[in-house]
PDB file of N, CA and C in Angstrom:
ATOM      1  N   MET A   1      20.531  27.021  -4.217  1.00  0.00           N
ATOM      2  CA  MET A   1      21.024  25.645  -4.331  1.00  0.00           C
ATOM      3  C   MET A   1      19.921  24.621  -3.998  1.00  0.00           C
ATOM      4  N   GLN A   2      20.005  23.485  -4.578  1.00  0.00           N
ATOM      5  CA  GLN A   2      18.995  22.492  -4.557  1.00  0.00           C
ATOM      6  C   GLN A   2      19.201  21.382  -3.591  1.00  0.00           C
ATOM      7  N   TYR A   3      20.326  21.327  -2.808  1.00  0.00           N
ATOM      8  CA  TYR A   3      20.683  20.200  -1.990  1.00  0.00           C
ATOM      9  C   TYR A   3      19.922  20.191  -0.702  1.00  0.00           C
ATOM     10  N   GLN A   4      19.767  19.014  -0.136  1.00  0.00           N
ATOM     11  CA  GLN A   4      19.055  18.882   1.158  1.00  0.00           C
ATOM     12  C   GLN A   4      20.003  18.936   2.271  1.00  0.00           C
ATOM     13  N   SER A   5      19.905  19.996   3.126  1.00  0.00           N
ATOM     14  CA  SER A   5      20.793  20.099   4.327  1.00  0.00           C
ATOM     15  C   SER A   5      20.126  19.451   5.421  1.00  0.00           C
ATOM     16  N   GLU A   6      20.974  18.804   6.144  1.00  0.00           N
ATOM     17  CA  GLU A   6      20.478  18.073   7.390  1.00  0.00           C
ATOM     18  C   GLU A   6      21.113  18.778   8.586  1.00  0.00           C
ATOM     19  N   SER A   7      20.294  19.425   9.447  1.00  0.00           N
ATOM     20  CA  SER A   7      20.795  20.051  10.575  1.00  0.00           C
ATOM     21  C   SER A   7      20.152  19.532  11.881  1.00  0.00           C
ATOM     22  N   ARG A   8      19.398  18.489  11.771  1.00  0.00           N
ATOM     23  CA  ARG A   8      18.734  17.969  12.942  1.00  0.00           C
ATOM     24  C   ARG A   8      19.793  17.144  13.755  1.00  0.00           C
ATOM     25  N   ASN A   9      19.416  16.794  14.958  1.00  0.00           N
ATOM     26  CA  ASN A   9      20.378  16.046  15.773  1.00  0.00           C
ATOM     27  C   ASN A   9      20.302  14.637  15.341  1.00  0.00           C
ATOM     28  N   TYR A  10      21.234  14.196  14.620  1.00  0.00           N
ATOM     29  CA  TYR A  10      21.229  12.819  14.027  1.00  0.00           C
ATOM     30  C   TYR A  10      22.195  11.867  14.837  1.00  0.00           C
ATOM     31  N   TYR A  11      22.675  12.345  16.000  1.00  0.00           N
ATOM     32  CA  TYR A  11      23.780  11.674  16.800  1.00  0.00           C
ATOM     33  C   TYR A  11      23.151  10.907  17.978  1.00  0.00           C
ATOM     34  N   SER A  12      21.947  11.059  18.198  1.00  0.00           N
ATOM     35  CA  SER A  12      21.488  10.462  19.495  1.00  0.00           C
ATOM     36  C   SER A  12      20.721   9.129  19.404  1.00  0.00           C
ATOM     37  N   SER A  13      20.481   8.586  18.197  1.00  0.00           N
ATOM     38  CA  SER A  13      19.757   7.369  18.120  1.00  0.00           C
ATOM     39  C   SER A  13      20.488   6.094  18.454  1.00  0.00           C
ATOM     40  N   SER A  14      21.706   6.117  18.446  1.00  0.00           N
ATOM     41  CA  SER A  14      22.493   4.932  18.720  1.00  0.00           C
ATOM     42  C   SER A  14      23.415   5.260  19.816  1.00  0.00           C
ATOM     43  N   THR A  15      23.441   4.530  20.955  1.00  0.00           N
ATOM     44  CA  THR A  15      24.282   4.873  22.084  1.00  0.00           C
ATOM     45  C   THR A  15      25.193   3.825  22.318  1.00  0.00           C
ATOM     46  N   THR A  16      26.311   4.225  23.127  1.00  0.00           N
ATOM     47  CA  THR A  16      27.302   3.403  23.703  1.00  0.00           C
ATOM     48  C   THR A  16      27.490   3.847  25.136  1.00  0.00           C
ATOM     49  N   GLY A  17      28.361   3.187  25.901  1.00  0.00           N
ATOM     50  CA  GLY A  17      28.499   3.522  27.237  1.00  0.00           C
ATOM     51  C   GLY A  17      29.069   4.859  27.438  1.00  0.00           C
ATOM     52  N   GLN A  18      29.525   5.490  26.366  1.00  0.00           N
ATOM     53  CA  GLN A  18      30.170   6.812  26.483  1.00  0.00           C
ATOM     54  C   GLN A  18      29.227   7.982  26.109  1.00  0.00           C
ATOM     55  N   GLY A  19      27.994   7.732  26.071  1.00  0.00           N
ATOM     56  CA  GLY A  19      26.978   8.766  25.875  1.00  0.00           C
ATOM     57  C   GLY A  19      26.662   9.056  24.435  1.00  0.00           C
ATOM     58  N   GLY A  20      27.115   8.319  23.473  1.00  0.00           N
ATOM     59  CA  GLY A  20      26.797   8.564  22.081  1.00  0.00           C
ATOM     60  C   GLY A  20      27.402   7.401  21.195  1.00  0.00           C
ATOM     61  N   ALA A  21      26.839   7.390  20.050  1.00  0.00           N
ATOM     62  CA  ALA A  21      27.284   6.364  19.007  1.00  0.00           C
ATOM     63  C   ALA A  21      28.715   6.535  18.725  1.00  0.00           C
ATOM     64  N   ASP A  22      29.329   5.526  18.326  1.00  0.00           N
ATOM     65  CA  ASP A  22      30.705   5.660  17.842  1.00  0.00           C
ATOM     66  C   ASP A  22      30.677   6.523  16.566  1.00  0.00           C
ATOM     67  N   PRO A  23      31.580   7.412  16.439  1.00  0.00           N
ATOM     68  CA  PRO A  23      31.578   8.318  15.342  1.00  0.00           C
ATOM     69  C   PRO A  23      31.758   7.631  13.893  1.00  0.00           C
ATOM     70  N   LEU A  24      32.548   6.615  13.835  1.00  0.00           N
ATOM     71  CA  LEU A  24      32.713   5.870  12.529  1.00  0.00           C
ATOM     72  C   LEU A  24      31.326   5.188  12.251  1.00  0.00           C
ATOM     73  N   GLU A  25      30.685   4.566  13.223  1.00  0.00           N
ATOM     74  CA  GLU A  25      29.344   3.968  12.991  1.00  0.00           C
ATOM     75  C   GLU A  25      28.336   4.957  12.518  1.00  0.00           C
ATOM     76  N   ARG A  26      28.435   6.172  13.139  1.00  0.00           N
ATOM     77  CA  ARG A  26      27.463   7.182  12.683  1.00  0.00           C
ATOM     78  C   ARG A  26      27.725   7.648  11.188  1.00  0.00           C
ATOM     79  N   VAL A  27      29.026   7.761  10.771  1.00  0.00           N
ATOM     80  CA  VAL A  27      29.373   8.059   9.474  1.00  0.00           C
ATOM     81  C   VAL A  27      28.771   7.076   8.526  1.00  0.00           C
ATOM     82  N   VAL A  28      29.005   5.813   8.803  1.00  0.00           N
ATOM     83  CA  VAL A  28      28.524   4.769   7.991  1.00  0.00           C
ATOM     84  C   VAL A  28      26.987   4.825   7.865  1.00  0.00           C
ATOM     85  N   ARG A  29      26.301   4.990   9.027  1.00  0.00           N
ATOM     86  CA  ARG A  29      24.875   5.035   9.106  1.00  0.00           C
ATOM     87  C   ARG A  29      24.283   6.160   8.170  1.00  0.00           C
ATOM     88  N   LEU A  30      24.849   7.383   8.382  1.00  0.00           N
ATOM     89  CA  LEU A  30      24.497   8.568   7.644  1.00  0.00           C
ATOM     90  C   LEU A  30      24.790   8.439   6.194  1.00  0.00           C
ATOM     91  N   ALA A  31      25.946   7.940   5.854  1.00  0.00           N
ATOM     92  CA  ALA A  31      26.412   7.874   4.469  1.00  0.00           C
ATOM     93  C   ALA A  31      25.564   6.827   3.604  1.00  0.00           C
ATOM     94  N   SER A  32      24.952   5.917   4.307  1.00  0.00           N
ATOM     95  CA  SER A  32      24.120   4.878   3.578  1.00  0.00           C
ATOM     96  C   SER A  32      22.666   5.345   3.577  1.00  0.00           C
ATOM     97  N   GLY A  33      22.343   6.485   4.089  1.00  0.00           N
ATOM     98  CA  GLY A  33      20.959   6.958   4.128  1.00  0.00           C
ATOM     99  C   GLY A  33      20.389   7.577   2.851  1.00  0.00           C
ATOM    100  N   SER A  34      21.272   8.053   1.924  1.00  0.00           N
ATOM    101  CA  SER A  34      20.877   8.650   0.666  1.00  0.00           C
ATOM    102  C   SER A  34      21.789   8.188  -0.462  1.00  0.00           C
ATOM    103  N   ALA A  35      21.386   8.483  -1.607  1.00  0.00           N
ATOM    104  CA  ALA A  35      22.267   8.094  -2.789  1.00  0.00           C
ATOM    105  C   ALA A  35      23.541   8.883  -2.740  1.00  0.00           C
ATOM    106  N   VAL A  36      23.529  10.131  -2.478  1.00  0.00           N
ATOM    107  CA  VAL A  36      24.753  11.034  -2.396  1.00  0.00           C
ATOM    108  C   VAL A  36      24.668  11.764  -1.140  1.00  0.00           C
ATOM    109  N   VAL A  37      25.709  11.592  -0.329  1.00  0.00           N
ATOM    110  CA  VAL A  37      25.868  12.251   0.893  1.00  0.00           C
ATOM    111  C   VAL A  37      27.173  13.016   0.927  1.00  0.00           C
ATOM    112  N   ILE A  38      27.120  14.219   1.322  1.00  0.00           N
ATOM    113  CA  ILE A  38      28.289  15.212   1.524  1.00  0.00           C
ATOM    114  C   ILE A  38      28.424  15.536   2.978  1.00  0.00           C
ATOM    115  N   PHE A  39      29.489  15.321   3.608  1.00  0.00           N
ATOM    116  CA  PHE A  39      29.792  15.862   4.844  1.00  0.00           C
ATOM    117  C   PHE A  39      30.579  17.180   4.588  1.00  0.00           C
ATOM    118  N   SER A  40      30.061  18.248   5.139  1.00  0.00           N
ATOM    119  CA  SER A  40      30.585  19.599   4.795  1.00  0.00           C
ATOM    120  C   SER A  40      30.631  20.481   5.956  1.00  0.00           C
ATOM    121  N   VAL A  41      31.279  21.584   5.886  1.00  0.00           N
ATOM    122  CA  VAL A  41      31.332  22.739   6.719  1.00  0.00           C
ATOM    123  C   VAL A  41      30.810  23.929   6.022  1.00  0.00           C
ATOM    124  N   SER A  42      29.774  24.625   6.476  1.00  0.00           N
ATOM    125  CA  SER A  42      29.143  25.610   5.746  1.00  0.00           C
ATOM    126  C   SER A  42      29.925  26.713   5.294  1.00  0.00           C
ATOM    127  N   THR A  43      31.088  27.086   5.926  1.00  0.00           N
ATOM    128  CA  THR A  43      31.900  28.135   5.583  1.00  0.00           C
ATOM    129  C   THR A  43      33.128  27.699   4.618  1.00  0.00           C
ATOM    130  N   CYS A  44      33.207  26.482   4.267  1.00  0.00           N
ATOM    131  CA  CYS A  44      34.276  25.943   3.532  1.00  0.00           C
ATOM    132  C   CYS A  44      34.090  26.115   2.053  1.00  0.00           C
ATOM    133  N   CYS A  45      34.962  26.817   1.331  1.00  0.00           N
ATOM    134  CA  CYS A  45      34.772  27.071  -0.122  1.00  0.00           C
ATOM    135  C   CYS A  45      34.844  25.750  -0.895  1.00  0.00           C
ATOM    136  N   MET A  46      35.680  24.768  -0.534  1.00  0.00           N
ATOM    137  CA  MET A  46      35.742  23.559  -1.202  1.00  0.00           C
ATOM    138  C   MET A  46      34.426  22.759  -1.089  1.00  0.00           C
ATOM    139  N   CYS A  47      33.843  22.884   0.080  1.00  0.00           N
ATOM    140  CA  CYS A  47      32.566  22.203   0.381  1.00  0.00           C
ATOM    141  C   CYS A  47      31.503  22.818  -0.565  1.00  0.00           C
ATOM    142  N   HIS A  48      31.532  24.107  -0.687  1.00  0.00           N
ATOM    143  CA  HIS A  48      30.536  24.839  -1.489  1.00  0.00           C
ATOM    144  C   HIS A  48      30.674  24.468  -2.921  1.00  0.00           C
ATOM    145  N   ALA A  49      32.007  24.296  -3.436  1.00  0.00           N
ATOM    146  CA  ALA A  49      32.328  23.927  -4.748  1.00  0.00           C
ATOM    147  C   ALA A  49      31.788  22.537  -5.066  1.00  0.00           C
ATOM    148  N   VAL A  50      32.043  21.579  -4.118  1.00  0.00           N
ATOM    149  CA  VAL A  50      31.511  20.133  -4.441  1.00  0.00           C
ATOM    150  C   VAL A  50      30.009  20.133  -4.452  1.00  0.00           C
ATOM    151  N   LYS A  51      29.269  20.897  -3.493  1.00  0.00           N
ATOM    152  CA  LYS A  51      27.892  20.851  -3.583  1.00  0.00           C
ATOM    153  C   LYS A  51      27.373  21.467  -4.869  1.00  0.00           C
ATOM    154  N   ARG A  52      27.994  22.479  -5.377  1.00  0.00           N
ATOM    155  CA  ARG A  52      27.645  23.108  -6.616  1.00  0.00           C
ATOM    156  C   ARG A  52      27.797  22.192  -7.854  1.00  0.00           C
ATOM    157  N   LEU A  53      28.891  21.439  -7.740  1.00  0.00           N
ATOM    158  CA  LEU A  53      29.191  20.408  -8.829  1.00  0.00           C
ATOM    159  C   LEU A  53      27.990  19.496  -8.960  1.00  0.00           C
ATOM    160  N   PHE A  54      27.603  18.880  -7.832  1.00  0.00           N
ATOM    161  CA  PHE A  54      26.539  17.974  -7.823  1.00  0.00           C
ATOM    162  C   PHE A  54      25.138  18.605  -8.301  1.00  0.00           C
ATOM    163  N   CYS A  55      24.903  19.763  -7.636  1.00  0.00           N
ATOM    164  CA  CYS A  55      23.626  20.358  -7.990  1.00  0.00           C
ATOM    165  C   CYS A  55      23.606  20.773  -9.541  1.00  0.00           C
ATOM    166  N   GLY A  56      24.755  21.166 -10.012  1.00  0.00           N
ATOM    167  CA  GLY A  56      24.850  21.456 -11.443  1.00  0.00           C
ATOM    168  C   GLY A  56      24.650  20.229 -12.352  1.00  0.00           C
ATOM    169  N   MET A  57      24.949  19.139 -11.824  1.00  0.00           N
ATOM    170  CA  MET A  57      24.632  17.833 -12.578  1.00  0.00           C
ATOM    171  C   MET A  57      23.236  17.355 -12.457  1.00  0.00           C
ATOM    172  N   GLY A  58      22.452  18.019 -11.652  1.00  0.00           N
ATOM    173  CA  GLY A  58      21.056  17.588 -11.396  1.00  0.00           C
ATOM    174  C   GLY A  58      20.915  16.611 -10.343  1.00  0.00           C
ATOM    175  N   VAL A  59      21.944  16.568  -9.413  1.00  0.00           N
ATOM    176  CA  VAL A  59      21.908  15.636  -8.356  1.00  0.00           C
ATOM    177  C   VAL A  59      21.452  16.423  -7.072  1.00  0.00           C
ATOM    178  N   ASN A  60      20.698  15.857  -6.247  1.00  0.00           N
ATOM    179  CA  ASN A  60      20.236  16.516  -5.034  1.00  0.00           C
ATOM    180  C   ASN A  60      20.882  15.734  -3.797  1.00  0.00           C
ATOM    181  N   PRO A  61      22.050  16.128  -3.369  1.00  0.00           N
ATOM    182  CA  PRO A  61      22.772  15.355  -2.351  1.00  0.00           C
ATOM    183  C   PRO A  61      22.139  15.743  -0.962  1.00  0.00           C
ATOM    184  N   THR A  62      22.252  14.849  -0.016  1.00  0.00           N
ATOM    185  CA  THR A  62      21.962  15.115   1.355  1.00  0.00           C
ATOM    186  C   THR A  62      23.305  15.647   1.932  1.00  0.00           C
ATOM    187  N   VAL A  63      23.166  16.754   2.526  1.00  0.00           N
ATOM    188  CA  VAL A  63      24.403  17.440   3.079  1.00  0.00           C
ATOM    189  C   VAL A  63      24.358  17.558   4.618  1.00  0.00           C
ATOM    190  N   TYR A  64      25.303  17.171   5.204  1.00  0.00           N
ATOM    191  CA  TYR A  64      25.503  17.232   6.722  1.00  0.00           C
ATOM    192  C   TYR A  64      26.506  18.378   7.051  1.00  0.00           C
ATOM    193  N   GLU A  65      26.043  19.449   7.465  1.00  0.00           N
ATOM    194  CA  GLU A  65      26.920  20.602   7.859  1.00  0.00           C
ATOM    195  C   GLU A  65      27.393  20.369   9.201  1.00  0.00           C
ATOM    196  N   LEU A  66      28.600  19.934   9.299  1.00  0.00           N
ATOM    197  CA  LEU A  66      29.188  19.531  10.575  1.00  0.00           C
ATOM    198  C   LEU A  66      29.350  20.665  11.585  1.00  0.00           C
ATOM    199  N   ASP A  67      29.556  21.902  11.093  1.00  0.00           N
ATOM    200  CA  ASP A  67      29.688  23.021  11.981  1.00  0.00           C
ATOM    201  C   ASP A  67      28.442  23.496  12.617  1.00  0.00           C
ATOM    202  N   GLN A  68      27.266  22.921  12.143  1.00  0.00           N
ATOM    203  CA  GLN A  68      26.098  23.320  12.711  1.00  0.00           C
ATOM    204  C   GLN A  68      25.517  22.277  13.675  1.00  0.00           C
ATOM    205  N   ASP A  69      26.382  21.347  13.960  1.00  0.00           N
ATOM    206  CA  ASP A  69      25.942  20.315  15.065  1.00  0.00           C
ATOM    207  C   ASP A  69      27.019  20.234  16.195  1.00  0.00           C
ATOM    208  N   PRO A  70      26.480  20.167  17.425  1.00  0.00           N
ATOM    209  CA  PRO A  70      27.427  20.321  18.574  1.00  0.00           C
ATOM    210  C   PRO A  70      28.486  19.069  18.625  1.00  0.00           C
ATOM    211  N   ARG A  71      28.131  17.957  17.943  1.00  0.00           N
ATOM    212  CA  ARG A  71      29.114  16.853  17.904  1.00  0.00           C
ATOM    213  C   ARG A  71      29.751  16.695  16.556  1.00  0.00           C
ATOM    214  N   GLY A  72      29.676  17.700  15.713  1.00  0.00           N
ATOM    215  CA  GLY A  72      30.239  17.517  14.364  1.00  0.00           C
ATOM    216  C   GLY A  72      31.765  17.387  14.343  1.00  0.00           C
ATOM    217  N   GLN A  73      32.456  17.912  15.306  1.00  0.00           N
ATOM    218  CA  GLN A  73      33.895  17.640  15.332  1.00  0.00           C
ATOM    219  C   GLN A  73      34.336  16.252  15.436  1.00  0.00           C
ATOM    220  N   GLU A  74      33.508  15.504  16.178  1.00  0.00           N
ATOM    221  CA  GLU A  74      33.723  14.038  16.252  1.00  0.00           C
ATOM    222  C   GLU A  74      33.581  13.378  14.902  1.00  0.00           C
ATOM    223  N   ILE A  75      32.522  13.697  14.214  1.00  0.00           N
ATOM    224  CA  ILE A  75      32.355  13.188  12.861  1.00  0.00           C
ATOM    225  C   ILE A  75      33.581  13.591  11.889  1.00  0.00           C
ATOM    226  N   GLU A  76      33.923  14.809  12.060  1.00  0.00           N
ATOM    227  CA  GLU A  76      34.955  15.340  11.211  1.00  0.00           C
ATOM    228  C   GLU A  76      36.318  14.498  11.564  1.00  0.00           C
ATOM    229  N   ARG A  77      36.619  14.185  12.772  1.00  0.00           N
ATOM    230  CA  ARG A  77      37.721  13.439  13.125  1.00  0.00           C
ATOM    231  C   ARG A  77      37.606  11.983  12.512  1.00  0.00           C
ATOM    232  N   ALA A  78      36.399  11.428  12.639  1.00  0.00           N
ATOM    233  CA  ALA A  78      36.218  10.110  12.019  1.00  0.00           C
ATOM    234  C   ALA A  78      36.395  10.067  10.463  1.00  0.00           C
ATOM    235  N   LEU A  79      35.954  11.143   9.916  1.00  0.00           N
ATOM    236  CA  LEU A  79      36.034  11.228   8.443  1.00  0.00           C
ATOM    237  C   LEU A  79      37.581  11.287   8.071  1.00  0.00           C
ATOM    238  N   SER A  80      38.335  12.130   8.840  1.00  0.00           N
ATOM    239  CA  SER A  80      39.783  12.336   8.621  1.00  0.00           C
ATOM    240  C   SER A  80      40.428  10.966   8.735  1.00  0.00           C
ATOM    241  N   GLN A  81      39.984  10.234   9.692  1.00  0.00           N
ATOM    242  CA  GLN A  81      40.613   8.836  10.024  1.00  0.00           C
ATOM    243  C   GLN A  81      40.258   7.943   8.749  1.00  0.00           C
ATOM    244  N   LEU A  82      39.082   7.991   8.270  1.00  0.00           N
ATOM    245  CA  LEU A  82      38.720   7.185   7.067  1.00  0.00           C
ATOM    246  C   LEU A  82      39.546   7.524   5.824  1.00  0.00           C
ATOM    247  N   LEU A  83      39.905   8.827   5.758  1.00  0.00           N
ATOM    248  CA  LEU A  83      40.671   9.294   4.607  1.00  0.00           C
ATOM    249  C   LEU A  83      42.127   9.174   4.798  1.00  0.00           C
ATOM    250  N   GLY A  84      42.560   8.698   5.968  1.00  0.00           N
ATOM    251  CA  GLY A  84      44.017   8.491   6.202  1.00  0.00           C
ATOM    252  C   GLY A  84      44.668   9.780   6.631  1.00  0.00           C
ATOM    253  N   GLY A  85      43.941  10.629   7.204  1.00  0.00           N
ATOM    254  CA  GLY A  85      44.537  11.890   7.686  1.00  0.00           C
ATOM    255  C   GLY A  85      44.258  13.014   6.828  1.00  0.00           C
ATOM    256  N   GLY A  86      44.718  14.249   7.287  1.00  0.00           N
ATOM    257  CA  GLY A  86      44.527  15.384   6.344  1.00  0.00           C
ATOM    258  C   GLY A  86      43.111  16.024   6.590  1.00  0.00           C
ATOM    259  N   SER A  87      42.858  16.842   5.709  1.00  0.00           N
ATOM    260  CA  SER A  87      41.538  17.654   5.628  1.00  0.00           C
ATOM    261  C   SER A  87      40.361  16.625   5.518  1.00  0.00           C
ATOM    262  N   ALA A  88      39.415  16.887   6.328  1.00  0.00           N
ATOM    263  CA  ALA A  88      38.291  15.927   6.369  1.00  0.00           C
ATOM    264  C   ALA A  88      37.021  16.450   5.603  1.00  0.00           C
ATOM    265  N   VAL A  89      37.019  17.558   5.139  1.00  0.00           N
ATOM    266  CA  VAL A  89      35.807  18.083   4.440  1.00  0.00           C
ATOM    267  C   VAL A  89      36.174  18.807   3.117  1.00  0.00           C
ATOM    268  N   PRO A  90      35.390  18.727   2.086  1.00  0.00           N
ATOM    269  CA  PRO A  90      34.173  17.831   2.066  1.00  0.00           C
ATOM    270  C   PRO A  90      34.588  16.338   1.812  1.00  0.00           C
ATOM    271  N   VAL A  91      33.664  15.537   2.302  1.00  0.00           N
ATOM    272  CA  VAL A  91      33.743  14.095   2.086  1.00  0.00           C
ATOM    273  C   VAL A  91      32.505  13.638   1.451  1.00  0.00           C
ATOM    274  N   VAL A  92      32.622  12.917   0.305  1.00  0.00           N
ATOM    275  CA  VAL A  92      31.416  12.476  -0.459  1.00  0.00           C
ATOM    276  C   VAL A  92      31.232  10.880  -0.438  1.00  0.00           C
ATOM    277  N   PHE A  93      30.063  10.503  -0.201  1.00  0.00           N
ATOM    278  CA  PHE A  93      29.746   9.091  -0.426  1.00  0.00           C
ATOM    279  C   PHE A  93      28.670   8.980  -1.418  1.00  0.00           C
ATOM    280  N   ILE A  94      28.855   7.916  -2.237  1.00  0.00           N
ATOM    281  CA  ILE A  94      27.795   7.745  -3.362  1.00  0.00           C
ATOM    282  C   ILE A  94      27.361   6.321  -3.185  1.00  0.00           C
ATOM    283  N   GLY A  95      26.065   6.033  -3.057  1.00  0.00           N
ATOM    284  CA  GLY A  95      25.667   4.707  -2.869  1.00  0.00           C
ATOM    285  C   GLY A  95      26.186   4.105  -1.592  1.00  0.00           C
ATOM    286  N   GLY A  96      26.400   4.832  -0.607  1.00  0.00           N
ATOM    287  CA  GLY A  96      26.961   4.346   0.600  1.00  0.00           C
ATOM    288  C   GLY A  96      28.381   4.058   0.649  1.00  0.00           C
ATOM    289  N   LYS A  97      29.065   4.341  -0.462  1.00  0.00           N
ATOM    290  CA  LYS A  97      30.476   4.055  -0.636  1.00  0.00           C
ATOM    291  C   LYS A  97      31.277   5.329  -0.561  1.00  0.00           C
ATOM    292  N   LEU A  98      32.402   5.281   0.173  1.00  0.00           N
ATOM    293  CA  LEU A  98      33.341   6.509   0.268  1.00  0.00           C
ATOM    294  C   LEU A  98      33.839   6.668  -1.172  1.00  0.00           C
ATOM    295  N   VAL A  99      33.637   7.895  -1.642  1.00  0.00           N
ATOM    296  CA  VAL A  99      34.355   8.353  -2.883  1.00  0.00           C
ATOM    297  C   VAL A  99      35.537   9.140  -2.412  1.00  0.00           C
ATOM    298  N   GLY A 100      35.483   9.974  -1.431  1.00  0.00           N
ATOM    299  CA  GLY A 100      36.644  10.710  -0.844  1.00  0.00           C
ATOM    300  C   GLY A 100      36.394  12.140  -0.824  1.00  0.00           C
ATOM    301  N   ALA A 101      37.454  12.839  -0.741  1.00  0.00           N
ATOM    302  CA  ALA A 101      37.461  14.309  -0.512  1.00  0.00           C
ATOM    303  C   ALA A 101      37.486  14.940  -1.934  1.00  0.00           C
ATOM    304  N   MET A 102      37.570  16.197  -1.952  1.00  0.00           N
ATOM    305  CA  MET A 102      37.412  16.944  -3.191  1.00  0.00           C
ATOM    306  C   MET A 102      38.308  16.468  -4.364  1.00  0.00           C
ATOM    307  N   ASP A 103      39.598  16.233  -4.017  1.00  0.00           N
ATOM    308  CA  ASP A 103      40.461  15.751  -5.029  1.00  0.00           C
ATOM    309  C   ASP A 103      40.035  14.474  -5.788  1.00  0.00           C
ATOM    310  N   ARG A 104      39.555  13.571  -4.898  1.00  0.00           N
ATOM    311  CA  ARG A 104      38.981  12.281  -5.563  1.00  0.00           C
ATOM    312  C   ARG A 104      37.686  12.508  -6.306  1.00  0.00           C
ATOM    313  N   VAL A 105      36.922  13.386  -5.884  1.00  0.00           N
ATOM    314  CA  VAL A 105      35.542  13.667  -6.566  1.00  0.00           C
ATOM    315  C   VAL A 105      35.896  14.283  -7.919  1.00  0.00           C
ATOM    316  N   MET A 106      36.808  15.295  -7.932  1.00  0.00           N
ATOM    317  CA  MET A 106      37.190  15.971  -9.135  1.00  0.00           C
ATOM    318  C   MET A 106      37.830  15.029 -10.113  1.00  0.00           C
ATOM    319  N   ALA A 107      38.783  14.232  -9.565  1.00  0.00           N
ATOM    320  CA  ALA A 107      39.464  13.225 -10.406  1.00  0.00           C
ATOM    321  C   ALA A 107      38.468  12.248 -11.105  1.00  0.00           C
ATOM    322  N   SER A 108      37.451  11.817 -10.279  1.00  0.00           N
ATOM    323  CA  SER A 108      36.451  10.938 -10.846  1.00  0.00           C
ATOM    324  C   SER A 108      35.608  11.667 -11.970  1.00  0.00           C
ATOM    325  N   HIS A 109      35.205  12.980 -11.618  1.00  0.00           N
ATOM    326  CA  HIS A 109      34.477  13.685 -12.541  1.00  0.00           C
ATOM    327  C   HIS A 109      35.263  13.886 -13.992  1.00  0.00           C
ATOM    328  N   ILE A 110      36.505  14.311 -13.799  1.00  0.00           N
ATOM    329  CA  ILE A 110      37.432  14.536 -15.016  1.00  0.00           C
ATOM    330  C   ILE A 110      37.631  13.233 -15.739  1.00  0.00           C
ATOM    331  N   GLY A 111      37.793  12.073 -15.023  1.00  0.00           N
ATOM    332  CA  GLY A 111      38.049  10.853 -15.607  1.00  0.00           C
ATOM    333  C   GLY A 111      36.842  10.179 -16.227  1.00  0.00           C
ATOM    334  N   GLY A 112      35.638  10.744 -15.974  1.00  0.00           N
ATOM    335  CA  GLY A 112      34.433  10.146 -16.541  1.00  0.00           C
ATOM    336  C   GLY A 112      33.862   9.043 -15.727  1.00  0.00           C
ATOM    337  N   THR A 113      34.223   8.880 -14.509  1.00  0.00           N
ATOM    338  CA  THR A 113      33.744   7.779 -13.694  1.00  0.00           C
ATOM    339  C   THR A 113      32.688   8.162 -12.788  1.00  0.00           C
ATOM    340  N   LEU A 114      32.521   9.597 -12.563  1.00  0.00           N
ATOM    341  CA  LEU A 114      31.537  10.038 -11.611  1.00  0.00           C
ATOM    342  C   LEU A 114      30.062   9.792 -12.033  1.00  0.00           C
ATOM    343  N   VAL A 115      29.776  10.138 -13.329  1.00  0.00           N
ATOM    344  CA  VAL A 115      28.414   9.913 -13.803  1.00  0.00           C
ATOM    345  C   VAL A 115      27.913   8.477 -13.672  1.00  0.00           C
ATOM    346  N   PRO A 116      28.819   7.485 -14.079  1.00  0.00           N
ATOM    347  CA  PRO A 116      28.326   6.097 -13.819  1.00  0.00           C
ATOM    348  C   PRO A 116      28.084   5.716 -12.430  1.00  0.00           C
ATOM    349  N   LEU A 117      28.933   6.258 -11.577  1.00  0.00           N
ATOM    350  CA  LEU A 117      28.699   6.064 -10.035  1.00  0.00           C
ATOM    351  C   LEU A 117      27.300   6.599  -9.584  1.00  0.00           C
ATOM    352  N   LEU A 118      27.063   7.736 -10.045  1.00  0.00           N
ATOM    353  CA  LEU A 118      25.741   8.370  -9.742  1.00  0.00           C
ATOM    354  C   LEU A 118      24.574   7.649 -10.312  1.00  0.00           C
ATOM    355  N   LYS A 119      24.744   7.224 -11.480  1.00  0.00           N
ATOM    356  CA  LYS A 119      23.580   6.396 -12.165  1.00  0.00           C
ATOM    357  C   LYS A 119      23.327   5.054 -11.374  1.00  0.00           C
ATOM    358  N   GLU A 120      24.521   4.459 -11.071  1.00  0.00           N
ATOM    359  CA  GLU A 120      24.372   3.187 -10.374  1.00  0.00           C
ATOM    360  C   GLU A 120      23.715   3.406  -9.019  1.00  0.00           C
ATOM    361  N   ALA A 121      23.883   4.475  -8.420  1.00  0.00           N
ATOM    362  CA  ALA A 121      23.431   4.752  -7.014  1.00  0.00           C
ATOM    363  C   ALA A 121      21.964   5.298  -7.086  1.00  0.00           C
ATOM    364  N   GLY A 122      21.482   5.539  -8.306  1.00  0.00           N
ATOM    365  CA  GLY A 122      20.139   6.042  -8.480  1.00  0.00           C
ATOM    366  C   GLY A 122      19.998   7.515  -8.270  1.00  0.00           C
ATOM    367  N   ALA A 123      21.088   8.208  -8.215  1.00  0.00           N
ATOM    368  CA  ALA A 123      21.118   9.714  -8.031  1.00  0.00           C
ATOM    369  C   ALA A 123      20.997  10.498  -9.386  1.00  0.00           C
ATOM    370  N   LEU A 124      21.144   9.826 -10.471  1.00  0.00           N
ATOM    371  CA  LEU A 124      21.213  10.472 -11.808  1.00  0.00           C
ATOM    372  C   LEU A 124      20.500   9.541 -12.720  1.00  0.00           C
ATOM    373  N   TRP A 125      19.590  10.133 -13.529  1.00  0.00           N
ATOM    374  CA  TRP A 125      18.851   9.304 -14.471  1.00  0.00           C
ATOM    375  C   TRP A 125      18.948   9.665 -15.984  1.00  0.00           C
ATOM    376  N   LEU A 126      20.168  10.279 -16.273  1.00  0.00           N
ATOM    377  CA  LEU A 126      20.413  10.627 -17.642  1.00  0.00           C
ATOM    378  C   LEU A 126      20.788   9.481 -18.537  1.00  0.00           C
TER     379      LEU A 126
END
């Protein structure tokens, strides 16, 4: 696979009185760091499918594997909150904007709106 996986400790740069940055703030900061950002769990089949979708389109997403970070569960809860509950991974951001979970990404792809979003974000040059 051709995606860029991020496993470094990206949680310690911004702090609050509780010993770490607010999880929602971290999500926003990380999501705006690349044209396409996927929050994933390395053992999740749906996460694997969405990563393959983007790679198959020629997009090189930045992937944050939440199960490989000691504070990944906090981010996963924040993502669930952003989505209004339910399963929190995979979650895709394009151009810093929340696209959503797998169902939203696939609906966008089938509906023909995914490619224009990727072009607008500079992730696809077709």
